[in-house]
Amino acid sequence: MGSRFAWYVPCVLLLLSLVGLGVLATLWFLGALALLGGAALLAVRRVRRLWGPRWRRLPPPR
């Protein structure tokens, strides 16, 4: 009695699972990078607004 599957089926399944884990890790990394980039962009905008030119108030109307 032989086995139902060919000898290479476990190797193929292992390879597919490792490829899937690599894809998931890449997506997680890109998501974290996007979050960090968005936070950095917001921080830069806020700092520029704080250090930007001061608006002068208009003189009171006569």
PDB file of N, CA and C in Angstrom:
ATOM      1  N   MET A   1       0.843  -1.196   0.000  1.00  0.00           N
ATOM      2  CA  MET A   1       0.000   0.000   0.000  1.00  0.00           C
ATOM      3  C   MET A   1       0.878   1.246   0.000  1.00  0.00           C
ATOM      4  N   GLY A   2       0.741   2.042  -1.003  1.00  0.00           N
ATOM      5  CA  GLY A   2       1.496   3.276  -1.082  1.00  0.00           C
ATOM      6  C   GLY A   2       0.713   4.426  -0.465  1.00  0.00           C
ATOM      7  N   SER A   3       1.382   5.543  -0.309  1.00  0.00           N
ATOM      8  CA  SER A   3       0.705   6.720   0.245  1.00  0.00           C
ATOM      9  C   SER A   3      -0.188   7.344  -0.834  1.00  0.00           C
ATOM     10  N   ARG A   4      -1.154   8.090  -0.396  1.00  0.00           N
ATOM     11  CA  ARG A   4      -2.095   8.710  -1.345  1.00  0.00           C
ATOM     12  C   ARG A   4      -1.456   9.835  -2.133  1.00  0.00           C
ATOM     13  N   PHE A   5      -0.543  10.551  -1.506  1.00  0.00           N
ATOM     14  CA  PHE A   5       0.044  11.735  -2.130  1.00  0.00           C
ATOM     15  C   PHE A   5       1.449  11.428  -2.606  1.00  0.00           C
ATOM     16  N   ALA A   6       1.892  12.233  -3.528  1.00  0.00           N
ATOM     17  CA  ALA A   6       3.277  12.114  -3.985  1.00  0.00           C
ATOM     18  C   ALA A   6       4.205  12.621  -2.880  1.00  0.00           C
ATOM     19  N   TRP A   7       5.454  12.273  -2.981  1.00  0.00           N
ATOM     20  CA  TRP A   7       6.405  12.623  -1.918  1.00  0.00           C
ATOM     21  C   TRP A   7       6.620  14.130  -1.815  1.00  0.00           C
ATOM     22  N   TYR A   8       6.387  14.863  -2.894  1.00  0.00           N
ATOM     23  CA  TYR A   8       6.693  16.287  -2.896  1.00  0.00           C
ATOM     24  C   TYR A   8       5.537  17.153  -2.421  1.00  0.00           C
ATOM     25  N   VAL A   9       4.368  16.590  -2.155  1.00  0.00           N
ATOM     26  CA  VAL A   9       3.218  17.397  -1.732  1.00  0.00           C
ATOM     27  C   VAL A   9       3.501  18.149  -0.427  1.00  0.00           C
ATOM     28  N   PRO A  10       4.076  17.522   0.615  1.00  0.00           N
ATOM     29  CA  PRO A  10       4.395  18.313   1.824  1.00  0.00           C
ATOM     30  C   PRO A  10       5.368  19.463   1.545  1.00  0.00           C
ATOM     31  N   CYS A  11       6.317  19.243   0.649  1.00  0.00           N
ATOM     32  CA  CYS A  11       7.270  20.311   0.317  1.00  0.00           C
ATOM     33  C   CYS A  11       6.553  21.472  -0.382  1.00  0.00           C
ATOM     34  N   VAL A  12       5.617  21.150  -1.275  1.00  0.00           N
ATOM     35  CA  VAL A  12       4.876  22.194  -1.975  1.00  0.00           C
ATOM     36  C   VAL A  12       4.005  22.975  -0.999  1.00  0.00           C
ATOM     37  N   LEU A  13       3.360  22.263  -0.072  1.00  0.00           N
ATOM     38  CA  LEU A  13       2.530  22.939   0.925  1.00  0.00           C
ATOM     39  C   LEU A  13       3.375  23.831   1.830  1.00  0.00           C
ATOM     40  N   LEU A  14       4.532  23.364   2.211  1.00  0.00           N
ATOM     41  CA  LEU A  14       5.430  24.178   3.032  1.00  0.00           C
ATOM     42  C   LEU A  14       5.885  25.419   2.270  1.00  0.00           C
ATOM     43  N   LEU A  15       6.216  25.244   1.005  1.00  0.00           N
ATOM     44  CA  LEU A  15       6.637  26.387   0.197  1.00  0.00           C
ATOM     45  C   LEU A  15       5.506  27.403   0.058  1.00  0.00           C
ATOM     46  N   LEU A  16       4.285  26.925  -0.186  1.00  0.00           N
ATOM     47  CA  LEU A  16       3.152  27.843  -0.307  1.00  0.00           C
ATOM     48  C   LEU A  16       2.875  28.575   0.999  1.00  0.00           C
ATOM     49  N   SER A  17       2.994  27.868   2.110  1.00  0.00           N
ATOM     50  CA  SER A  17       2.750  28.537   3.395  1.00  0.00           C
ATOM     51  C   SER A  17       3.825  29.578   3.680  1.00  0.00           C
ATOM     52  N   LEU A  18       5.068  29.284   3.323  1.00  0.00           N
ATOM     53  CA  LEU A  18       6.133  30.277   3.534  1.00  0.00           C
ATOM     54  C   LEU A  18       5.954  31.484   2.623  1.00  0.00           C
ATOM     55  N   VAL A  19       5.516  31.250   1.392  1.00  0.00           N
ATOM     56  CA  VAL A  19       5.253  32.374   0.490  1.00  0.00           C
ATOM     57  C   VAL A  19       4.109  33.223   1.038  1.00  0.00           C
ATOM     58  N   GLY A  20       3.061  32.574   1.551  1.00  0.00           N
ATOM     59  CA  GLY A  20       1.944  33.318   2.140  1.00  0.00           C
ATOM     60  C   GLY A  20       2.367  34.138   3.347  1.00  0.00           C
ATOM     61  N   LEU A  21       3.213  33.543   4.182  1.00  0.00           N
ATOM     62  CA  LEU A  21       3.708  34.302   5.337  1.00  0.00           C
ATOM     63  C   LEU A  21       4.568  35.482   4.896  1.00  0.00           C
ATOM     64  N   GLY A  22       5.340  35.300   3.846  1.00  0.00           N
ATOM     65  CA  GLY A  22       6.137  36.407   3.326  1.00  0.00           C
ATOM     66  C   GLY A  22       5.263  37.532   2.799  1.00  0.00           C
ATOM     67  N   VAL A  23       4.183  37.168   2.105  1.00  0.00           N
ATOM     68  CA  VAL A  23       3.264  38.194   1.602  1.00  0.00           C
ATOM     69  C   VAL A  23       2.605  38.933   2.760  1.00  0.00           C
ATOM     70  N   LEU A  24       2.172  38.190   3.781  1.00  0.00           N
ATOM     71  CA  LEU A  24       1.557  38.846   4.941  1.00  0.00           C
ATOM     72  C   LEU A  24       2.543  39.765   5.650  1.00  0.00           C
ATOM     73  N   ALA A  25       3.771  39.318   5.798  1.00  0.00           N
ATOM     74  CA  ALA A  25       4.780  40.156   6.455  1.00  0.00           C
ATOM     75  C   ALA A  25       5.036  41.422   5.639  1.00  0.00           C
ATOM     76  N   THR A  26       5.055  41.283   4.321  1.00  0.00           N
ATOM     77  CA  THR A  26       5.267  42.461   3.470  1.00  0.00           C
ATOM     78  C   THR A  26       4.112  43.449   3.605  1.00  0.00           C
ATOM     79  N   LEU A  27       2.887  42.930   3.634  1.00  0.00           N
ATOM     80  CA  LEU A  27       1.734  43.827   3.794  1.00  0.00           C
ATOM     81  C   LEU A  27       1.750  44.516   5.150  1.00  0.00           C
ATOM     82  N   TRP A  28       2.097  43.785   6.198  1.00  0.00           N
ATOM     83  CA  TRP A  28       2.202  44.392   7.531  1.00  0.00           C
ATOM     84  C   TRP A  28       3.258  45.488   7.527  1.00  0.00           C
ATOM     85  N   PHE A  29       4.394  45.209   6.901  1.00  0.00           N
ATOM     86  CA  PHE A  29       5.473  46.199   6.857  1.00  0.00           C
ATOM     87  C   PHE A  29       5.043  47.443   6.100  1.00  0.00           C
ATOM     88  N   LEU A  30       4.370  47.261   4.974  1.00  0.00           N
ATOM     89  CA  LEU A  30       3.913  48.424   4.205  1.00  0.00           C
ATOM     90  C   LEU A  30       2.866  49.222   4.978  1.00  0.00           C
ATOM     91  N   GLY A  31       1.986  48.534   5.706  1.00  0.00           N
ATOM     92  CA  GLY A  31       0.993  49.235   6.520  1.00  0.00           C
ATOM     93  C   GLY A  31       1.638  50.038   7.633  1.00  0.00           C
ATOM     94  N   ALA A  32       2.619  49.434   8.304  1.00  0.00           N
ATOM     95  CA  ALA A  32       3.315  50.158   9.370  1.00  0.00           C
ATOM     96  C   ALA A  32       4.084  51.346   8.804  1.00  0.00           C
ATOM     97  N   LEU A  33       4.683  51.158   7.623  1.00  0.00           N
ATOM     98  CA  LEU A  33       5.409  52.245   6.984  1.00  0.00           C
ATOM     99  C   LEU A  33       4.461  53.378   6.608  1.00  0.00           C
ATOM    100  N   ALA A  34       3.267  53.036   6.133  1.00  0.00           N
ATOM    101  CA  ALA A  34       2.284  54.067   5.774  1.00  0.00           C
ATOM    102  C   ALA A  34       1.827  54.821   7.016  1.00  0.00           C
ATOM    103  N   LEU A  35       1.616  54.108   8.123  1.00  0.00           N
ATOM    104  CA  LEU A  35       1.223  54.788   9.363  1.00  0.00           C
ATOM    105  C   LEU A  35       2.319  55.730   9.853  1.00  0.00           C
ATOM    106  N   LEU A  36       3.559  55.259   9.819  1.00  0.00           N
ATOM    107  CA  LEU A  36       4.663  56.114  10.255  1.00  0.00           C
ATOM    108  C   LEU A  36       4.819  57.317   9.335  1.00  0.00           C
ATOM    109  N   GLY A  37       4.680  57.097   8.038  1.00  0.00           N
ATOM    110  CA  GLY A  37       4.788  58.207   7.099  1.00  0.00           C
ATOM    111  C   GLY A  37       3.681  59.226   7.291  1.00  0.00           C
ATOM    112  N   GLY A  38       2.455  58.753   7.525  1.00  0.00           N
ATOM    113  CA  GLY A  38       1.347  59.677   7.774  1.00  0.00           C
ATOM    114  C   GLY A  38       1.539  60.467   9.052  1.00  0.00           C
ATOM    115  N   ALA A  39       2.004  59.789  10.101  1.00  0.00           N
ATOM    116  CA  ALA A  39       2.252  60.497  11.357  1.00  0.00           C
ATOM    117  C   ALA A  39       3.370  61.529  11.195  1.00  0.00           C
ATOM    118  N   ALA A  40       4.407  61.170  10.459  1.00  0.00           N
ATOM    119  CA  ALA A  40       5.501  62.123  10.227  1.00  0.00           C
ATOM    120  C   ALA A  40       5.013  63.311   9.406  1.00  0.00           C
ATOM    121  N   LEU A  41       4.171  63.059   8.411  1.00  0.00           N
ATOM    122  CA  LEU A  41       3.645  64.155   7.603  1.00  0.00           C
ATOM    123  C   LEU A  41       2.789  65.102   8.441  1.00  0.00           C
ATOM    124  N   LEU A  42       1.944  64.543   9.290  1.00  0.00           N
ATOM    125  CA  LEU A  42       1.133  65.395  10.163  1.00  0.00           C
ATOM    126  C   LEU A  42       2.008  66.195  11.117  1.00  0.00           C
ATOM    127  N   ALA A  43       3.045  65.561  11.650  1.00  0.00           N
ATOM    128  CA  ALA A  43       3.937  66.260  12.574  1.00  0.00           C
ATOM    129  C   ALA A  43       4.668  67.400  11.862  1.00  0.00           C
ATOM    130  N   VAL A  44       5.128  67.157  10.643  1.00  0.00           N
ATOM    131  CA  VAL A  44       5.836  68.203   9.902  1.00  0.00           C
ATOM    132  C   VAL A  44       4.896  69.362   9.598  1.00  0.00           C
ATOM    133  N   ARG A  45       3.669  69.059   9.212  1.00  0.00           N
ATOM    134  CA  ARG A  45       2.712  70.141   8.943  1.00  0.00           C
ATOM    135  C   ARG A  45       2.434  70.954  10.187  1.00  0.00           C
ATOM    136  N   ARG A  46       2.300  70.274  11.323  1.00  0.00           N
ATOM    137  CA  ARG A  46       2.003  70.987  12.566  1.00  0.00           C
ATOM    138  C   ARG A  46       3.179  71.866  12.977  1.00  0.00           C
ATOM    139  N   VAL A  47       4.394  71.343  12.828  1.00  0.00           N
ATOM    140  CA  VAL A  47       5.575  72.131  13.195  1.00  0.00           C
ATOM    141  C   VAL A  47       5.719  73.318  12.257  1.00  0.00           C
ATOM    142  N   ARG A  48       5.467  73.121  10.969  1.00  0.00           N
ATOM    143  CA  ARG A  48       5.553  74.245  10.040  1.00  0.00           C
ATOM    144  C   ARG A  48       4.532  75.315  10.381  1.00  0.00           C
ATOM    145  N   ARG A  49       3.340  74.883  10.792  1.00  0.00           N
ATOM    146  CA  ARG A  49       2.320  75.873  11.141  1.00  0.00           C
ATOM    147  C   ARG A  49       2.721  76.629  12.400  1.00  0.00           C
ATOM    148  N   LEU A  50       3.362  75.947  13.330  1.00  0.00           N
ATOM    149  CA  LEU A  50       3.788  76.638  14.552  1.00  0.00           C
ATOM    150  C   LEU A  50       4.942  77.592  14.277  1.00  0.00           C
ATOM    151  N   TRP A  51       5.874  77.182  13.413  1.00  0.00           N
ATOM    152  CA  TRP A  51       7.050  78.018  13.146  1.00  0.00           C
ATOM    153  C   TRP A  51       6.857  78.920  11.940  1.00  0.00           C
ATOM    154  N   GLY A  52       5.700  78.905  11.331  1.00  0.00           N
ATOM    155  CA  GLY A  52       5.466  79.679  10.115  1.00  0.00           C
ATOM    156  C   GLY A  52       5.367  81.161  10.398  1.00  0.00           C
ATOM    157  N   PRO A  53       5.123  81.929   9.356  1.00  0.00           N
ATOM    158  CA  PRO A  53       5.016  83.380   9.544  1.00  0.00           C
ATOM    159  C   PRO A  53       3.782  83.719  10.376  1.00  0.00           C
ATOM    160  N   ARG A  54       3.953  84.677  11.249  1.00  0.00           N
ATOM    161  CA  ARG A  54       2.841  85.092  12.103  1.00  0.00           C
ATOM    162  C   ARG A  54       1.922  86.020  11.312  1.00  0.00           C
ATOM    163  N   TRP A  55       0.650  85.775  11.404  1.00  0.00           N
ATOM    164  CA  TRP A  55      -0.310  86.659  10.740  1.00  0.00           C
ATOM    165  C   TRP A  55      -0.505  87.901  11.603  1.00  0.00           C
ATOM    166  N   ARG A  56      -0.409  89.042  10.957  1.00  0.00           N
ATOM    167  CA  ARG A  56      -0.611  90.295  11.690  1.00  0.00           C
ATOM    168  C   ARG A  56      -2.106  90.598  11.739  1.00  0.00           C
ATOM    169  N   ARG A  57      -2.507  91.080  12.845  1.00  0.00           N
ATOM    170  CA  ARG A  57      -3.916  91.446  12.951  1.00  0.00           C
ATOM    171  C   ARG A  57      -4.148  92.755  12.213  1.00  0.00           C
ATOM    172  N   LEU A  58      -5.300  92.857  11.644  1.00  0.00           N
ATOM    173  CA  LEU A  58      -5.651  94.104  10.971  1.00  0.00           C
ATOM    174  C   LEU A  58      -5.926  95.183  12.013  1.00  0.00           C
ATOM    175  N   PRO A  59      -5.630  96.431  11.685  1.00  0.00           N
ATOM    176  CA  PRO A  59      -5.934  97.499  12.645  1.00  0.00           C
ATOM    177  C   PRO A  59      -7.459  97.601  12.845  1.00  0.00           C
ATOM    178  N   PRO A  60      -7.875  98.042  13.971  1.00  0.00           N
ATOM    179  CA  PRO A  60      -9.336  98.136  14.206  1.00  0.00           C
ATOM    180  C   PRO A  60      -9.967  99.141  13.277  1.00  0.00           C
ATOM    181  N   PRO A  61     -11.171  98.901  12.861  1.00  0.00           N
ATOM    182  CA  PRO A  61     -11.846  99.847  11.944  1.00  0.00           C
ATOM    183  C   PRO A  61     -12.139 101.173  12.641  1.00  0.00           C
ATOM    184  N   ARG A  62     -12.128 102.278  11.867  1.00  0.00           N
ATOM    185  CA  ARG A  62     -12.373 103.598  12.458  1.00  0.00           C
ATOM    186  C   ARG A  62     -13.844 103.931  12.440  1.00  0.00           C
TER     187      ARG A  62
END
